[in-house]
C-alpha atoms as a PDB file:
ATOM      1  CA  MET A   1       7.345 -22.763  25.198  1.00  0.00           C
ATOM      2  CA  THR A   2       9.207 -25.663  24.320  1.00  0.00           C
ATOM      3  CA  GLN A   3      12.447 -25.616  24.147  1.00  0.00           C
ATOM      4  CA  GLU A   4      13.032 -25.092  20.184  1.00  0.00           C
ATOM      5  CA  ALA A   5      11.732 -21.884  20.542  1.00  0.00           C
ATOM      6  CA  ALA A   6      13.158 -20.906  23.539  1.00  0.00           C
ATOM      7  CA  ARG A   7      16.881 -20.788  21.634  1.00  0.00           C
ATOM      8  CA  HIS A   8      18.132 -18.856  19.646  1.00  0.00           C
ATOM      9  CA  PRO A   9      19.616 -18.960  15.759  1.00  0.00           C
ATOM     10  CA  VAL A  10      23.209 -17.501  16.258  1.00  0.00           C
ATOM     11  CA  LEU A  11      23.174 -14.735  13.983  1.00  0.00           C
ATOM     12  CA  PRO A  12      25.774 -14.392  10.992  1.00  0.00           C
ATOM     13  CA  ALA A  13      29.600 -13.631  13.009  1.00  0.00           C
ATOM     14  CA  ARG A  14      29.483 -10.231  10.267  1.00  0.00           C
ATOM     15  CA  LEU A  15      26.847  -8.991  11.567  1.00  0.00           C
ATOM     16  CA  VAL A  16      27.568  -9.168  14.679  1.00  0.00           C
ATOM     17  CA  THR A  17      31.222  -7.410  14.109  1.00  0.00           C
ATOM     18  CA  LEU A  18      29.541  -5.315  11.489  1.00  0.00           C
ATOM     19  CA  LEU A  19      27.226  -3.651  14.847  1.00  0.00           C
ATOM     20  CA  THR A  20      30.269  -4.070  18.079  1.00  0.00           C
ATOM     21  CA  GLY A  21      32.950  -3.593  16.273  1.00  0.00           C
ATOM     22  CA  HIS A  22      32.198  -1.261  13.666  1.00  0.00           C
ATOM     23  CA  LEU A  23      28.628   0.760  14.778  1.00  0.00           C
ATOM     24  CA  ASP A  24      29.596   0.400  17.962  1.00  0.00           C
ATOM     25  CA  VAL A  25      26.090  -0.988  19.456  1.00  0.00           C
ATOM     26  CA  GLY A  26      27.491  -1.349  23.339  1.00  0.00           C
ATOM     27  CA  ALA A  27      26.695  -4.755  23.895  1.00  0.00           C
ATOM     28  CA  GLU A  28      28.554  -8.087  24.018  1.00  0.00           C
ATOM     29  CA  PRO A  29      28.437  -9.406  21.321  1.00  0.00           C
ATOM     30  CA  GLU A  30      27.129 -13.389  22.924  1.00  0.00           C
ATOM     31  CA  ALA A  31      24.079 -10.807  23.423  1.00  0.00           C
ATOM     32  CA  LEU A  32      23.031 -10.568  20.410  1.00  0.00           C
ATOM     33  CA  THR A  33      19.971 -12.407  19.938  1.00  0.00           C
ATOM     34  CA  GLU A  34      17.310 -12.578  15.753  1.00  0.00           C
ATOM     35  CA  ALA A  35      14.835 -11.012  18.406  1.00  0.00           C
ATOM     36  CA  THR A  36      17.488  -8.584  19.844  1.00  0.00           C
ATOM     37  CA  THR A  37      15.459  -4.920  18.255  1.00  0.00           C
ATOM     38  CA  PHE A  38      17.785  -2.233  16.503  1.00  0.00           C
ATOM     39  CA  GLU A  39      16.092   0.086  18.956  1.00  0.00           C
ATOM     40  CA  SER A  40      17.115  -2.070  22.358  1.00  0.00           C
ATOM     41  CA  LEU A  41      20.592  -1.037  20.385  1.00  0.00           C
ATOM     42  CA  GLY A  42      19.651   2.299  21.164  1.00  0.00           C
ATOM     43  CA  MET A  43      19.993   2.553  16.977  1.00  0.00           C
ATOM     44  CA  ASP A  44      18.399   5.367  15.121  1.00  0.00           C
ATOM     45  CA  SER A  45      17.341   5.807  11.201  1.00  0.00           C
ATOM     46  CA  LEU A  46      20.529   7.734  10.695  1.00  0.00           C
ATOM     47  CA  SER A  47      22.900   4.344  13.005  1.00  0.00           C
ATOM     48  CA  LEU A  48      21.013   2.290  10.843  1.00  0.00           C
ATOM     49  CA  MET A  49      21.428   3.874   6.714  1.00  0.00           C
ATOM     50  CA  GLU A  50      25.469   3.361   8.008  1.00  0.00           C
ATOM     51  CA  LEU A  51      24.205   0.182   9.040  1.00  0.00           C
ATOM     52  CA  VAL A  52      23.020  -0.503   5.563  1.00  0.00           C
ATOM     53  CA  VAL A  53      26.000   1.032   3.794  1.00  0.00           C
ATOM     54  CA  ALA A  54      28.434  -1.047   5.787  1.00  0.00           C
ATOM     55  CA  ALA A  55      26.846  -4.056   5.113  1.00  0.00           C
ATOM     56  CA  GLU A  56      26.776  -3.670   1.909  1.00  0.00           C
ATOM     57  CA  GLU A  57      31.070  -2.334   1.452  1.00  0.00           C
ATOM     58  CA  GLU A  58      31.355  -5.826   3.816  1.00  0.00           C
ATOM     59  CA  PHE A  59      29.544  -7.905   2.372  1.00  0.00           C
ATOM     60  CA  GLY A  60      29.853  -7.006  -1.390  1.00  0.00           C
ATOM     61  CA  ILE A  61      25.863  -6.377  -1.641  1.00  0.00           C
ATOM     62  CA  VAL A  62      22.985  -4.436  -3.186  1.00  0.00           C
ATOM     63  CA  LEU A  63      19.761  -3.893  -1.170  1.00  0.00           C
ATOM     64  CA  PRO A  64      17.411  -2.397  -3.617  1.00  0.00           C
ATOM     65  CA  GLU A  65      15.913   0.913  -2.425  1.00  0.00           C
ATOM     66  CA  GLU A  66      12.481  -1.240  -1.594  1.00  0.00           C
ATOM     67  CA  ALA A  67      14.219  -4.278   0.766  1.00  0.00           C
ATOM     68  CA  VAL A  68      16.338  -1.738   2.556  1.00  0.00           C
ATOM     69  CA  ASP A  69      13.516  -1.338   5.357  1.00  0.00           C
ATOM     70  CA  LEU A  70      15.099  -1.491   8.447  1.00  0.00           C
ATOM     71  CA  SER A  71      13.682   0.730  10.606  1.00  0.00           C
ATOM     72  CA  PRO A  72      14.459   0.775  14.928  1.00  0.00           C
ATOM     73  CA  SER A  73      11.353  -2.264  14.775  1.00  0.00           C
ATOM     74  CA  VAL A  74      13.479  -4.721  13.164  1.00  0.00           C
ATOM     75  CA  THR A  75      14.753  -7.638  14.399  1.00  0.00           C
ATOM     76  CA  LEU A  76      18.255  -8.158  14.055  1.00  0.00           C
ATOM     77  CA  GLY A  77      17.091 -11.913  12.578  1.00  0.00           C
ATOM     78  CA  GLU A  78      15.549  -9.851  10.041  1.00  0.00           C
ATOM     79  CA  ALA A  79      17.714  -7.944   9.372  1.00  0.00           C
ATOM     80  CA  ALA A  80      20.367 -10.589   8.768  1.00  0.00           C
ATOM     81  CA  ARG A  81      17.612 -12.686   6.232  1.00  0.00           C
ATOM     82  CA  MET A  82      17.083 -10.135   4.300  1.00  0.00           C
ATOM     83  CA  PHE A  83      21.347  -9.352   3.391  1.00  0.00           C
ATOM     84  CA  GLU A  84      21.354 -12.662   2.569  1.00  0.00           C
ATOM     85  CA  ARG A  85      18.466 -12.372   0.583  1.00  0.00           C
ATOM     86  CA  ALA A  86      20.075  -9.650  -1.162  1.00  0.00           C
ATOM     87  CA  GLY A  87      24.198 -11.509  -2.209  1.00  0.00           C
END
């Protein structure tokens, strides 16, 4: 594995704040990476819907139904990109 592949890009601070503050996932912010899955944070489908609503309010976006494809196996990096595209 190259040094570049070993590094994890930084997640948007607002997403980390939503997860650790608003949804209280019980993980340290510095432990969250793009590769972290919602499942590994103990989030189920109800928690994911709460995240979508909170993200829409926080980011001032509206995610179209077809774009809201969050499941417990989705990574935080995938979710961050989805929210970014909607904004």
